[in-house]
Amino acid sequence: MKIAVEGCAHGELEKIYETIQELEKRDNIKVDMLLCCGDFQSTRNMEDLQTMAVSQKYQDICTFYKYYSGELKAPMLTIFIGGNHEASNYLQELPYGGWVAPNIYYLGYAGVVRVNGIRIAGVSGIYKGHDYLRGRFEFSPYSESTKRSVYHVRQLEIFRLKQLSSKIDIFMSHDWPKGIYNFGNKEQLARFKPFLREEMDNDQLGSRPCEDLLNMLQPQYWFAAHLHCKFAAVVEHSNSKCCDEKTEAKNNIFNEKNNDEDDTTPKGSFTKFLALDKCLPKRRFLQVLDINSENYTDDEGHLRFEYDLEWLTILYLTNHLVNVKESYYYLPNEKSANGERFDFTPTEEEMQNVRKKFENDLKIPNNFCRTVESFDPSSYSKGRHFEQPKSQINPQSLHFCDTLGIDDPLSLAMLMGGHELSHSSTLDNTQDSALNDSLLQDDQQSSSLNISSASVCLTDSSPLKRKSNSGLILPKPKMDDGNIIVNTEEIDLDDDDTNKEDIKEDLQLECDPSDACTNDQTQIESTTNEKVLSPKPPIKKFKRRNQDIYQEKEETDELKETL
């Protein structure tokens, strides 16, 4: 299978697909799938754009809205993770993943899927120590603080990924794993991005949680972006994970010889790391790899796109650990009191029970539906003021959570914040009639019981029904024998407005597209230049239980200070 890998998309989907098409013509190949490593910018309209952490003068709607509205369609299956320049309100509607447009799939806060047998995992966002131990408390409209904290990686996603036991073929992150530069041409990277030299010398560049995942999961490939440069490395693992011969046989080298790599590759278990640039002319933002996969396409030529059973089971088993509070909290470990379970690697029996919930069919449903009006260039007037939209509950998330029997973190956060739930309405009935029929049936049941649309149905393991774990408070992070529990010395560029380089992450100013890298030997040099609403179907209503829980208001001011 030929897989195109993109660095930071920055909303330029049309240019990315056009570049791939030019490459297909030039080399007489067919690209089967596109993977994007963050900063995807799935902005559907100008309201979505207000939730992105860039200053107003750098806000650009770009071209995603064309794929959302149906004006254009992605020519291949596209899978992406989130970065730090995103339409956060839209991605928050899909915490466990889902379709953001036809043929374009978001992995969620963290996720694992299978495409023709290739196991693809990923984690969205970037790491900031001061938010890592918090719950998912944010929802739109955001403050200037939560507009940034919403895309920061949280401990629960990393904890869940660490429960995986089977071999991962491809892992995607926006951040680089900490220390990855030691396994590639570090001097060349320092010459290309001089201001990174000090952080590399102090061993402070990159994400510590990603470093842990790299050493534990040992995927065959790891793709990243974020630093707006191309960089390759090969990591040999001293403690090789046990995997079967079939999985080991799937290991293969990069499709093209890379000048940044040594011709020799280590023996045994190793991970091939590749970071790519942003989508700009004469920048190395795209590379095509050939990876062995199962040969399968349906009658319409579609790949077999499935949920990963082990990941679904982990989500189900750890649902009680979901936290939507701003305070720090504990996750169970081997030192937990009262014999609390801390290892959630699922058993075969647990996985089969989850399989039954999906009626033995793990195929990801094609249930995308438009829930807001897309951007209309003909009616746009420059200088008009737009407000952030309020958070909505997406029908895809409702369907997934109901099927698996878990909670939607966004719903919990809104309820804990004292806000009524706002349910997304389907603007067209053409995408998934089965989903709409399901919503209609659930709505009729709720209506017969005269239940408020602001209510919610909680699972037995819901954090709002448990008083244990949901309110555990951590002491202020400390240094423990040299191990930093919360890293306060990491690269923190949130408040840097100097824009000396185009990769100042968490930057309030978007990168200036006019900057160019004269040192690049570009891998791909051709980048092309540039209603009437249908009747809304009834929307599923939640059922509220344990009303007294929602009246509680806990004070955690002592730990709300920013480190």
Protein backbone atom coordinates (compact mmCIF):
# COMPACT_ATOMS: atom_id res chain seq x y z
CA MET A 1 0.00 0.00 0.00
CA LYS A 2 1.31 3.43 -0.93
CA ILE A 3 0.81 5.91 1.89
CA ALA A 4 1.43 9.64 1.60
CA VAL A 5 2.56 11.33 4.82
CA GLU A 6 2.04 15.06 5.32
CA GLY A 7 3.60 17.26 8.00
CA CYS A 8 1.59 20.31 9.08
CA ALA A 9 -1.38 20.76 6.76
CA HIS A 10 -2.39 24.25 7.96
CA GLY A 11 -5.69 24.01 6.11
CA GLU A 12 -4.16 23.64 2.63
CA LEU A 13 -5.97 20.42 1.75
CA GLU A 14 -6.59 21.38 -1.86
CA LYS A 15 -2.89 22.02 -2.47
CA ILE A 16 -1.90 18.79 -0.73
CA TYR A 17 -4.22 16.65 -2.84
CA GLU A 18 -3.13 18.44 -6.03
CA THR A 19 0.50 17.78 -5.14
CA ILE A 20 -0.23 14.09 -4.63
CA GLN A 21 -2.00 13.93 -7.97
CA GLU A 22 0.99 15.53 -9.70
CA LEU A 23 3.26 13.00 -8.01
CA GLU A 24 1.03 10.13 -9.14
CA LYS A 25 1.25 11.32 -12.74
CA ARG A 26 4.99 11.86 -12.58
CA ASP A 27 5.84 8.46 -11.08
CA ASN A 28 2.90 6.49 -12.48
CA ILE A 29 1.71 5.34 -9.06
CA LYS A 30 -1.54 5.33 -7.10
CA VAL A 31 -1.53 6.68 -3.55
CA ASP A 32 -4.02 4.77 -1.40
CA MET A 33 -4.10 6.81 1.81
CA LEU A 34 -2.97 10.15 3.26
CA LEU A 35 -1.81 10.62 6.86
CA CYS A 36 -1.63 14.18 8.27
CA CYS A 37 0.36 14.86 11.44
CA GLY A 38 -1.55 17.79 12.88
CA ASP A 39 -2.36 21.48 12.42
CA PHE A 40 -5.07 20.21 10.12
CA GLN A 41 -7.34 23.24 10.63
CA SER A 42 -10.72 21.70 9.93
CA THR A 43 -12.48 25.08 10.00
CA ARG A 44 -15.98 24.80 8.55
CA ASN A 45 -16.87 28.50 8.78
CA MET A 46 -15.69 31.78 10.24
CA GLU A 47 -17.12 30.93 13.66
CA ASP A 48 -14.89 27.85 13.87
CA LEU A 49 -11.93 30.03 12.97
CA GLN A 50 -12.43 32.06 16.16
CA THR A 51 -11.58 28.99 18.27
CA MET A 52 -8.13 28.59 16.69
CA ALA A 53 -5.21 29.92 18.72
CA VAL A 54 -3.86 32.50 16.27
CA SER A 55 -4.29 36.25 16.19
CA GLN A 56 -7.08 37.66 14.06
CA LYS A 57 -4.87 39.01 11.27
CA TYR A 58 -3.51 35.51 10.64
CA GLN A 59 -6.91 33.81 10.54
CA ASP A 60 -7.44 32.20 7.15
CA ILE A 61 -10.38 29.94 6.30
CA CYS A 62 -8.22 28.04 3.74
CA THR A 63 -9.92 25.18 1.84
CA PHE A 64 -11.25 22.57 4.27
CA TYR A 65 -14.76 24.03 4.09
CA LYS A 66 -15.00 22.89 0.45
CA TYR A 67 -14.63 19.26 1.54
CA TYR A 68 -17.04 19.74 4.44
CA SER A 69 -19.74 21.28 2.23
CA GLY A 70 -19.38 18.68 -0.52
CA GLU A 71 -18.04 21.09 -3.11
CA LEU A 72 -14.93 18.89 -3.26
CA LYS A 73 -14.31 15.33 -2.06
CA ALA A 74 -11.09 13.88 -0.71
CA PRO A 75 -9.70 11.60 -3.46
CA MET A 76 -8.35 9.09 -0.94
CA LEU A 77 -8.91 8.02 2.66
CA THR A 78 -7.35 10.72 4.82
CA ILE A 79 -6.56 10.15 8.51
CA PHE A 80 -5.27 12.95 10.74
CA ILE A 81 -4.48 13.87 14.32
CA GLY A 82 -4.81 17.27 15.94
CA GLY A 83 -2.02 19.76 16.56
CA ASN A 84 -1.97 23.18 18.17
CA HIS A 85 -3.64 25.12 15.34
CA GLU A 86 -7.07 23.55 15.07
CA ALA A 87 -10.78 24.28 15.03
CA SER A 88 -10.87 23.00 18.60
CA ASN A 89 -14.63 23.29 19.01
CA TYR A 90 -15.21 20.90 16.08
CA LEU A 91 -12.58 18.37 17.12
CA GLN A 92 -13.90 18.38 20.69
CA GLU A 93 -17.18 17.06 19.33
CA LEU A 94 -15.29 13.90 18.29
CA PRO A 95 -13.17 12.94 21.33
CA TYR A 96 -13.01 9.30 20.23
CA GLY A 97 -12.61 10.11 16.55
CA GLY A 98 -14.96 10.41 13.62
CA TRP A 99 -15.49 11.83 10.14
CA VAL A 100 -14.94 15.58 9.82
CA ALA A 101 -15.84 15.42 6.11
CA PRO A 102 -16.50 12.60 3.63
CA ASN A 103 -13.40 10.39 3.43
CA ILE A 104 -11.52 12.48 6.05
CA TYR A 105 -11.23 10.84 9.49
CA TYR A 106 -9.99 12.31 12.79
CA LEU A 107 -8.39 9.89 15.27
CA GLY A 108 -9.65 11.78 18.34
CA TYR A 109 -7.67 12.76 21.43
CA ALA A 110 -5.97 9.40 20.93
CA GLY A 111 -6.99 6.47 18.78
CA VAL A 112 -6.12 3.22 17.05
CA VAL A 113 -7.63 2.03 13.76
CA ARG A 114 -6.85 -0.62 11.14
CA VAL A 115 -6.62 -0.01 7.40
CA ASN A 116 -6.26 -3.20 5.36
CA GLY A 117 -4.61 -4.80 8.36
CA ILE A 118 -2.17 -1.92 9.00
CA ARG A 119 -2.51 -0.83 12.62
CA ILE A 120 -2.38 2.97 12.92
CA ALA A 121 -2.28 4.73 16.30
CA GLY A 122 -1.95 8.39 17.19
CA VAL A 123 -2.23 11.09 19.83
CA SER A 124 -3.43 14.65 19.18
CA GLY A 125 -2.16 17.92 20.56
CA ILE A 126 1.13 19.00 22.13
CA TYR A 127 2.60 18.41 25.58
CA LYS A 128 2.60 21.11 28.24
CA GLY A 129 3.42 20.01 31.77
CA HIS A 130 1.10 22.46 33.51
CA ASP A 131 -1.98 20.91 31.86
CA TYR A 132 -0.91 17.28 31.53
CA LEU A 133 -2.46 16.13 34.85
CA ARG A 134 -5.75 17.98 34.44
CA GLY A 135 -9.07 16.68 33.21
CA ARG A 136 -10.78 17.64 29.94
CA PHE A 137 -12.65 20.61 31.39
CA GLU A 138 -12.68 22.95 28.37
CA PHE A 139 -15.58 23.66 26.04
CA SER A 140 -16.47 26.46 23.65
CA PRO A 141 -16.71 29.42 23.81
CA TYR A 142 -13.13 29.42 25.10
CA SER A 143 -11.19 31.98 27.05
CA GLU A 144 -7.74 32.94 25.78
CA SER A 145 -6.35 30.40 28.26
CA THR A 146 -8.63 27.46 27.43
CA LYS A 147 -8.27 28.18 23.71
CA ARG A 148 -4.74 26.85 24.21
CA SER A 149 -5.11 24.34 27.00
CA VAL A 150 -7.78 22.47 25.01
CA TYR A 151 -5.15 21.12 22.61
CA HIS A 152 -2.67 20.09 25.30
CA VAL A 153 -2.13 16.34 25.75
CA ARG A 154 -3.60 14.82 28.93
CA GLN A 155 -2.37 11.88 30.97
CA LEU A 156 -5.43 9.70 30.34
CA GLU A 157 -4.73 9.44 26.59
CA ILE A 158 -1.12 8.41 27.25
CA PHE A 159 -2.23 5.98 29.97
CA ARG A 160 -4.67 4.33 27.57
CA LEU A 161 -2.09 4.03 24.78
CA LYS A 162 0.32 2.39 27.21
CA GLN A 163 -2.19 -0.44 27.74
CA LEU A 164 -1.75 -1.61 24.12
CA SER A 165 0.00 -4.94 23.79
CA SER A 166 -0.17 -5.83 20.09
CA LYS A 167 2.34 -4.48 17.58
CA ILE A 168 1.73 -0.97 16.19
CA ASP A 169 2.70 -0.44 12.56
CA ILE A 170 2.36 3.36 12.38
CA PHE A 171 2.21 5.93 15.16
CA MET A 172 1.34 9.58 14.55
CA SER A 173 1.98 12.56 16.80
CA HIS A 174 2.30 16.30 16.34
CA ASP A 175 5.10 16.63 18.88
CA TRP A 176 8.45 14.92 18.43
CA PRO A 177 9.39 12.38 21.11
CA LYS A 178 11.97 13.90 23.46
CA GLY A 179 15.50 12.95 22.51
CA ILE A 180 14.65 11.70 19.01
CA TYR A 181 17.21 14.13 17.57
CA ASN A 182 19.98 11.98 19.09
CA PHE A 183 19.16 9.21 16.59
CA GLY A 184 19.47 11.31 13.42
CA ASN A 185 21.64 14.05 11.99
CA LYS A 186 21.53 16.36 14.99
CA GLU A 187 24.14 18.78 13.65
CA GLN A 188 22.28 19.29 10.41
CA LEU A 189 19.07 19.97 12.35
CA ALA A 190 20.90 22.54 14.50
CA ARG A 191 22.25 24.29 11.39
CA PHE A 192 18.81 24.36 9.84
CA LYS A 193 17.05 25.53 13.02
CA PRO A 194 19.79 27.23 15.09
CA PHE A 195 17.52 28.30 17.93
CA LEU A 196 16.85 24.61 18.72
CA ARG A 197 20.50 23.92 19.55
CA GLU A 198 20.30 25.06 23.17
CA GLU A 199 17.20 22.96 23.86
CA MET A 200 18.83 19.91 22.28
CA ASP A 201 22.03 20.42 24.26
CA ASN A 202 19.96 20.62 27.47
CA ASP A 203 17.89 17.59 26.44
CA GLN A 204 14.69 19.61 26.65
CA LEU A 205 13.37 19.42 23.10
CA GLY A 206 10.30 17.25 22.50
CA SER A 207 7.53 15.51 24.40
CA ARG A 208 8.27 13.26 27.37
CA PRO A 209 4.99 11.32 27.07
CA CYS A 210 5.79 10.62 23.40
CA GLU A 211 9.25 9.42 24.41
CA ASP A 212 7.62 6.97 26.84
CA LEU A 213 5.25 5.72 24.14
CA LEU A 214 8.10 5.30 21.65
CA ASN A 215 10.05 3.13 24.08
CA MET A 216 7.03 1.13 25.17
CA LEU A 217 5.08 0.60 21.93
CA GLN A 218 8.10 0.45 19.59
CA PRO A 219 6.10 1.04 16.40
CA GLN A 220 7.55 0.25 13.01
CA TYR A 221 7.09 3.88 11.86
CA TRP A 222 6.61 7.12 13.78
CA PHE A 223 5.48 10.21 11.87
CA ALA A 224 5.44 13.74 13.32
CA ALA A 225 5.41 17.43 12.34
CA HIS A 226 5.29 20.57 14.52
CA LEU A 227 8.86 21.86 14.06
CA HIS A 228 8.42 22.67 10.34
CA CYS A 229 11.41 20.80 9.00
CA LYS A 230 12.18 17.39 7.58
CA PHE A 231 14.12 15.10 9.89
CA ALA A 232 14.67 11.33 9.80
CA ALA A 233 16.00 9.02 12.48
CA VAL A 234 16.22 5.31 13.26
CA VAL A 235 15.75 4.21 16.88
CA GLU A 236 16.99 0.77 17.90
CA HIS A 237 15.21 -0.63 20.93
CA SER A 238 17.38 -2.38 23.47
CA ASN A 239 14.45 -4.21 25.05
CA SER A 240 12.62 -5.55 22.03
CA LYS A 241 8.88 -6.11 22.39
CA CYS A 242 7.72 -9.64 21.71
CA CYS A 243 5.83 -9.91 18.46
CA ASP A 244 4.93 -12.72 16.09
CA GLU A 245 6.80 -13.57 12.91
CA LYS A 246 4.03 -12.25 10.66
CA THR A 247 4.23 -8.81 12.26
CA GLU A 248 8.02 -8.82 12.15
CA ALA A 249 7.94 -9.74 8.45
CA LYS A 250 5.96 -6.56 7.72
CA ASN A 251 9.01 -4.42 8.56
CA ASN A 252 10.40 -2.73 5.47
CA ILE A 253 12.68 0.17 4.78
CA PHE A 254 11.75 3.62 3.49
CA ASN A 255 10.65 3.71 -0.12
CA GLU A 256 13.21 6.33 -1.03
CA LYS A 257 16.81 6.77 0.01
CA ASN A 258 17.07 9.71 2.31
CA ASN A 259 20.25 11.78 2.31
CA ASP A 260 19.75 12.45 6.00
CA GLU A 261 20.00 8.75 6.89
CA ASP A 262 22.85 6.32 7.04
CA ASP A 263 22.62 3.53 4.44
CA THR A 264 22.97 0.93 7.18
CA THR A 265 19.98 0.10 9.35
CA PRO A 266 20.18 -1.62 12.72
CA LYS A 267 19.14 -5.20 13.20
CA GLY A 268 16.37 -6.31 15.50
CA SER A 269 13.48 -4.15 16.68
CA PHE A 270 13.68 -0.54 15.56
CA THR A 271 11.46 2.44 14.79
CA LYS A 272 11.87 4.60 11.71
CA PHE A 273 11.04 8.20 12.61
CA LEU A 274 10.15 10.83 10.03
CA ALA A 275 9.11 14.44 10.65
CA LEU A 276 7.98 16.64 7.78
CA ASP A 277 7.58 20.36 7.06
CA LYS A 278 4.48 22.51 6.54
CA CYS A 279 2.69 22.82 3.21
CA LEU A 280 4.53 25.60 1.39
CA PRO A 281 6.33 25.82 -1.97
CA LYS A 282 9.87 24.40 -1.95
CA ARG A 283 9.34 22.81 1.46
CA ARG A 284 9.68 19.11 2.21
CA PHE A 285 6.16 18.55 3.49
CA LEU A 286 5.18 15.30 1.78
CA GLN A 287 6.63 11.83 1.34
CA VAL A 288 5.21 8.60 -0.06
CA LEU A 289 6.04 5.26 1.55
CA ASP A 290 5.29 1.73 0.38
CA ILE A 291 4.12 -0.43 3.30
CA ASN A 292 3.01 -4.04 3.11
CA SER A 293 -0.68 -4.57 3.80
CA GLU A 294 -3.49 -7.00 3.20
CA ASN A 295 -4.93 -6.76 -0.31
CA TYR A 296 -8.54 -5.75 0.08
CA THR A 297 -10.95 -3.35 -1.57
CA ASP A 298 -14.72 -3.57 -1.69
CA ASP A 299 -16.86 -3.34 -4.82
CA GLU A 300 -16.47 0.45 -4.82
CA GLY A 301 -12.70 0.30 -4.40
CA HIS A 302 -12.70 1.32 -0.72
CA LEU A 303 -10.09 0.07 1.72
CA ARG A 304 -11.13 -2.00 4.74
CA PHE A 305 -11.30 0.63 7.49
CA GLU A 306 -11.99 -0.79 10.96
CA TYR A 307 -11.96 -0.01 14.64
CA ASP A 308 -9.21 -1.72 16.61
CA LEU A 309 -10.76 -4.21 19.02
CA GLU A 310 -8.05 -3.93 21.68
CA TRP A 311 -8.37 -0.14 21.67
CA LEU A 312 -12.17 -0.25 21.94
CA THR A 313 -11.85 -2.57 24.93
CA ILE A 314 -9.34 -0.25 26.62
CA LEU A 315 -11.72 2.69 26.16
CA TYR A 316 -14.51 0.64 27.70
CA LEU A 317 -12.43 -0.60 30.65
CA THR A 318 -11.07 2.87 31.48
CA ASN A 319 -14.27 4.87 31.08
CA HIS A 320 -14.45 5.34 34.85
CA LEU A 321 -11.12 7.19 34.71
CA VAL A 322 -12.46 10.00 32.50
CA ASN A 323 -12.06 13.28 34.36
CA VAL A 324 -13.51 16.66 33.39
CA LYS A 325 -12.22 18.80 36.26
CA GLU A 326 -9.58 21.47 36.04
CA SER A 327 -7.68 20.19 39.06
CA TYR A 328 -4.86 17.64 38.98
CA TYR A 329 -5.85 14.05 39.66
CA TYR A 330 -4.38 10.58 40.06
CA LEU A 331 -4.54 7.62 37.73
CA PRO A 332 -4.19 4.12 39.21
CA ASN A 333 -0.78 2.48 39.31
CA GLU A 334 0.87 -0.53 40.91
CA LYS A 335 1.03 1.35 44.22
CA SER A 336 -2.70 2.11 44.28
CA ALA A 337 -4.46 1.32 47.53
CA ASN A 338 -7.35 -1.12 47.99
CA GLY A 339 -6.20 -3.34 45.16
CA GLU A 340 -7.56 -1.00 42.47
CA ARG A 341 -6.94 -2.26 38.95
CA PHE A 342 -4.10 -0.45 37.20
CA ASP A 343 -3.34 -2.74 34.26
CA PHE A 344 -6.08 -2.41 31.65
CA THR A 345 -4.51 -4.46 28.89
CA PRO A 346 -7.64 -6.42 27.96
CA THR A 347 -8.09 -10.15 28.16
CA GLU A 348 -9.49 -12.18 25.29
CA GLU A 349 -12.80 -12.53 27.11
CA GLU A 350 -13.07 -8.76 27.65
CA MET A 351 -12.37 -8.11 23.97
CA GLN A 352 -15.00 -10.60 22.85
CA ASN A 353 -17.57 -8.92 25.09
CA VAL A 354 -16.83 -5.60 23.40
CA ARG A 355 -16.97 -7.23 19.98
CA LYS A 356 -20.54 -8.31 20.76
CA LYS A 357 -21.49 -4.69 21.44
CA PHE A 358 -20.64 -3.98 17.80
CA GLU A 359 -22.45 -7.14 16.66
CA ASN A 360 -19.14 -8.65 15.51
CA ASP A 361 -18.73 -5.93 12.88
CA LEU A 362 -15.83 -3.54 13.54
CA LYS A 363 -16.12 -1.69 10.24
CA ILE A 364 -16.14 2.07 10.89
CA PRO A 365 -19.57 3.34 9.76
CA ASN A 366 -19.69 5.99 7.08
CA ASN A 367 -21.92 8.21 9.21
CA PHE A 368 -20.61 11.71 8.53
CA CYS A 369 -23.29 14.38 8.61
CA ARG A 370 -23.09 18.17 8.33
CA THR A 371 -24.18 19.92 11.50
CA VAL A 372 -23.40 23.59 10.72
CA GLU A 373 -23.51 25.74 7.63
CA SER A 374 -20.19 25.86 5.80
CA PHE A 375 -18.35 29.01 4.77
CA ASP A 376 -19.87 30.84 1.80
CA PRO A 377 -17.34 33.10 0.04
CA SER A 378 -20.11 34.92 -1.85
CA SER A 379 -21.71 36.20 1.34
CA TYR A 380 -18.50 36.90 3.28
CA SER A 381 -17.79 40.53 4.09
CA LYS A 382 -14.31 41.46 5.26
CA GLY A 383 -14.18 43.20 8.60
CA ARG A 384 -17.30 41.55 9.96
CA HIS A 385 -17.05 40.42 13.56
CA PHE A 386 -17.62 36.74 14.34
CA GLU A 387 -18.19 35.14 17.74
CA GLN A 388 -17.04 31.74 18.93
CA PRO A 389 -19.76 29.10 18.59
CA LYS A 390 -21.12 27.20 21.57
CA SER A 391 -20.11 23.57 21.96
CA GLN A 392 -22.43 20.97 20.48
CA ILE A 393 -22.82 17.24 20.92
CA ASN A 394 -22.08 15.46 17.65
CA PRO A 395 -24.35 12.61 16.45
CA GLN A 396 -21.30 10.49 15.60
CA SER A 397 -20.07 10.65 19.18
CA LEU A 398 -23.54 9.84 20.49
CA HIS A 399 -23.72 6.79 18.28
CA PHE A 400 -20.22 5.57 19.21
CA CYS A 401 -20.59 6.15 22.96
CA ASP A 402 -24.01 4.48 23.06
CA THR A 403 -22.74 1.46 21.16
CA LEU A 404 -19.64 0.99 23.33
CA GLY A 405 -21.32 2.08 26.57
CA ILE A 406 -18.98 4.92 27.51
CA ASP A 407 -19.31 8.63 28.26
CA ASP A 408 -18.72 11.62 26.00
CA PRO A 409 -16.16 13.86 27.80
CA LEU A 410 -17.60 17.01 26.23
CA SER A 411 -21.07 16.23 27.57
CA LEU A 412 -19.65 15.64 31.05
CA ALA A 413 -17.60 18.85 30.97
CA MET A 414 -20.61 20.95 29.97
CA LEU A 415 -22.80 19.39 32.66
CA MET A 416 -20.12 19.83 35.32
CA GLY A 417 -19.83 23.46 34.25
CA GLY A 418 -23.55 23.96 34.71
CA HIS A 419 -24.32 24.32 30.99
CA GLU A 420 -27.16 22.73 29.12
CA LEU A 421 -26.24 20.36 26.32
CA SER A 422 -26.70 21.61 22.79
CA HIS A 423 -27.25 18.83 20.27
CA SER A 424 -26.00 19.16 16.70
CA SER A 425 -28.70 19.00 14.06
CA THR A 426 -28.16 17.14 10.81
CA LEU A 427 -28.37 19.60 7.93
CA ASP A 428 -28.72 16.92 5.26
CA ASN A 429 -30.22 13.45 5.20
CA THR A 430 -28.02 12.01 2.49
CA GLN A 431 -25.04 10.77 4.45
CA ASP A 432 -26.33 8.14 6.84
CA SER A 433 -30.02 7.35 6.98
CA ALA A 434 -29.36 4.51 9.44
CA LEU A 435 -27.89 6.95 11.95
CA ASN A 436 -30.80 9.34 11.54
CA ASP A 437 -33.29 6.48 11.96
CA SER A 438 -31.53 5.51 15.19
CA LEU A 439 -31.67 9.08 16.46
CA LEU A 440 -35.35 9.28 15.52
CA GLN A 441 -36.17 6.13 17.48
CA ASP A 442 -34.25 7.31 20.54
CA ASP A 443 -35.95 10.70 20.34
CA GLN A 444 -39.39 9.14 20.25
CA GLN A 445 -38.57 7.08 23.33
CA SER A 446 -37.31 10.16 25.17
CA SER A 447 -40.32 12.22 24.12
CA SER A 448 -42.71 9.61 25.48
CA LEU A 449 -41.04 10.00 28.84
CA ASN A 450 -41.14 13.81 28.63
CA ILE A 451 -37.43 14.10 29.33
CA SER A 452 -35.59 17.41 28.99
CA SER A 453 -33.16 17.80 26.09
CA ALA A 454 -30.55 19.02 28.54
CA SER A 455 -30.44 15.71 30.38
CA VAL A 456 -27.84 13.01 29.88
CA CYS A 457 -27.75 9.23 30.11
CA LEU A 458 -24.79 8.16 32.20
CA THR A 459 -23.13 4.77 32.15
CA ASP A 460 -22.67 2.81 35.35
CA SER A 461 -18.97 3.74 35.34
CA SER A 462 -19.55 7.41 34.52
CA PRO A 463 -17.33 9.83 36.45
CA LEU A 464 -20.46 11.81 37.33
CA LYS A 465 -21.98 8.76 39.02
CA ARG A 466 -18.77 7.94 40.89
CA LYS A 467 -17.47 10.09 43.68
CA SER A 468 -14.23 8.14 43.89
CA ASN A 469 -11.41 9.07 41.48
CA SER A 470 -13.34 11.97 39.93
CA GLY A 471 -12.33 14.26 42.76
CA LEU A 472 -8.87 13.06 43.71
CA ILE A 473 -6.52 16.01 44.01
CA LEU A 474 -2.80 15.87 43.45
CA PRO A 475 -0.34 17.81 45.57
CA LYS A 476 1.63 20.49 43.81
CA PRO A 477 4.17 18.81 41.49
CA LYS A 478 7.63 18.37 42.99
CA MET A 479 11.07 17.14 42.08
CA ASP A 480 11.46 13.54 43.21
CA ASP A 481 15.00 12.10 43.08
CA GLY A 482 15.69 14.03 39.93
CA ASN A 483 12.51 12.88 38.20
CA ILE A 484 10.32 15.78 37.25
CA ILE A 485 6.69 14.90 37.78
CA VAL A 486 5.52 17.99 35.94
CA ASN A 487 8.06 19.50 33.60
CA THR A 488 8.34 23.25 34.11
CA GLU A 489 11.63 23.54 32.20
CA GLU A 490 10.31 22.32 28.88
CA ILE A 491 10.29 24.49 25.78
CA ASP A 492 7.39 26.84 26.42
CA LEU A 493 6.68 29.15 23.51
CA ASP A 494 3.07 30.02 24.37
CA ASP A 495 3.83 33.66 25.03
CA ASP A 496 6.48 34.20 22.36
CA ASP A 497 5.19 36.70 19.78
CA THR A 498 8.57 37.46 18.16
CA ASN A 499 7.93 35.05 15.28
CA LYS A 500 11.70 34.63 14.66
CA GLU A 501 11.01 31.20 13.17
CA ASP A 502 7.89 29.73 11.65
CA ILE A 503 7.80 26.87 14.13
CA LYS A 504 7.28 28.75 17.41
CA GLU A 505 4.58 26.39 18.60
CA ASP A 506 1.65 27.64 20.64
CA LEU A 507 2.36 30.90 18.85
CA GLN A 508 -0.48 33.34 18.79
CA LEU A 509 0.68 34.49 15.35
CA GLU A 510 0.47 32.05 12.46
CA CYS A 511 3.62 31.58 10.42
CA ASP A 512 4.22 34.00 7.59
CA PRO A 513 3.75 32.08 4.32
CA SER A 514 6.33 34.28 2.64
CA ASP A 515 9.21 32.72 4.56
CA ALA A 516 11.24 30.25 2.55
CA CYS A 517 14.06 27.88 3.32
CA THR A 518 16.89 28.32 0.85
CA ASN A 519 18.68 25.28 2.26
CA ASP A 520 15.88 22.84 1.44
CA GLN A 521 16.40 20.20 -1.22
CA THR A 522 12.70 19.68 -1.64
CA GLN A 523 11.43 16.14 -1.96
CA ILE A 524 8.40 17.25 -3.93
CA GLU A 525 8.89 20.49 -5.79
CA SER A 526 5.53 20.85 -7.48
CA THR A 527 2.89 22.45 -5.28
CA THR A 528 0.13 23.88 -7.42
CA ASN A 529 -0.82 27.55 -7.00
CA GLU A 530 -3.42 28.46 -6.16
CA LYS A 531 -29.46 27.25 1.23
CA VAL A 532 -32.05 26.26 2.17
CA LEU A 533 -31.91 23.96 5.19
CA SER A 534 -33.50 20.53 5.02
CA PRO A 535 -35.97 19.72 7.79
CA LYS A 536 -34.01 18.78 10.89
CA PRO A 537 -34.54 15.21 12.07
CA PRO A 538 -35.30 14.69 15.73
CA ILE A 539 -32.12 14.55 17.76
CA LYS A 540 -31.45 12.08 20.51
CA LYS A 541 -32.05 13.36 24.01
CA PHE A 542 -30.05 12.31 27.04
CA LYS A 543 -31.59 11.06 30.25
CA ARG A 544 -30.45 12.63 33.48
CA ARG A 545 -29.85 10.53 36.52
CA ASN A 546 -28.64 11.32 40.04
CA GLN A 547 -29.77 14.94 39.90
CA ASP A 548 -28.07 15.71 43.20
CA ILE A 549 -24.63 15.18 41.71
CA TYR A 550 -25.06 18.11 39.37
CA GLN A 551 -25.84 20.46 42.25
CA GLU A 552 -22.44 19.86 43.86
CA LYS A 553 -19.73 22.44 43.34
CA GLU A 554 -16.28 21.53 44.57
CA GLU A 555 -13.66 24.17 45.22
CA THR A 556 -10.14 23.40 44.01
CA ASP A 557 -8.67 26.90 43.87
CA GLU A 558 -5.40 25.95 45.55
CA LEU A 559 -4.31 23.93 42.52
CA LYS A 560 -5.73 26.10 39.71
CA GLU A 561 -2.65 28.26 39.51
CA THR A 562 -0.57 27.86 36.36
CA LEU A 563 2.86 26.39 36.90
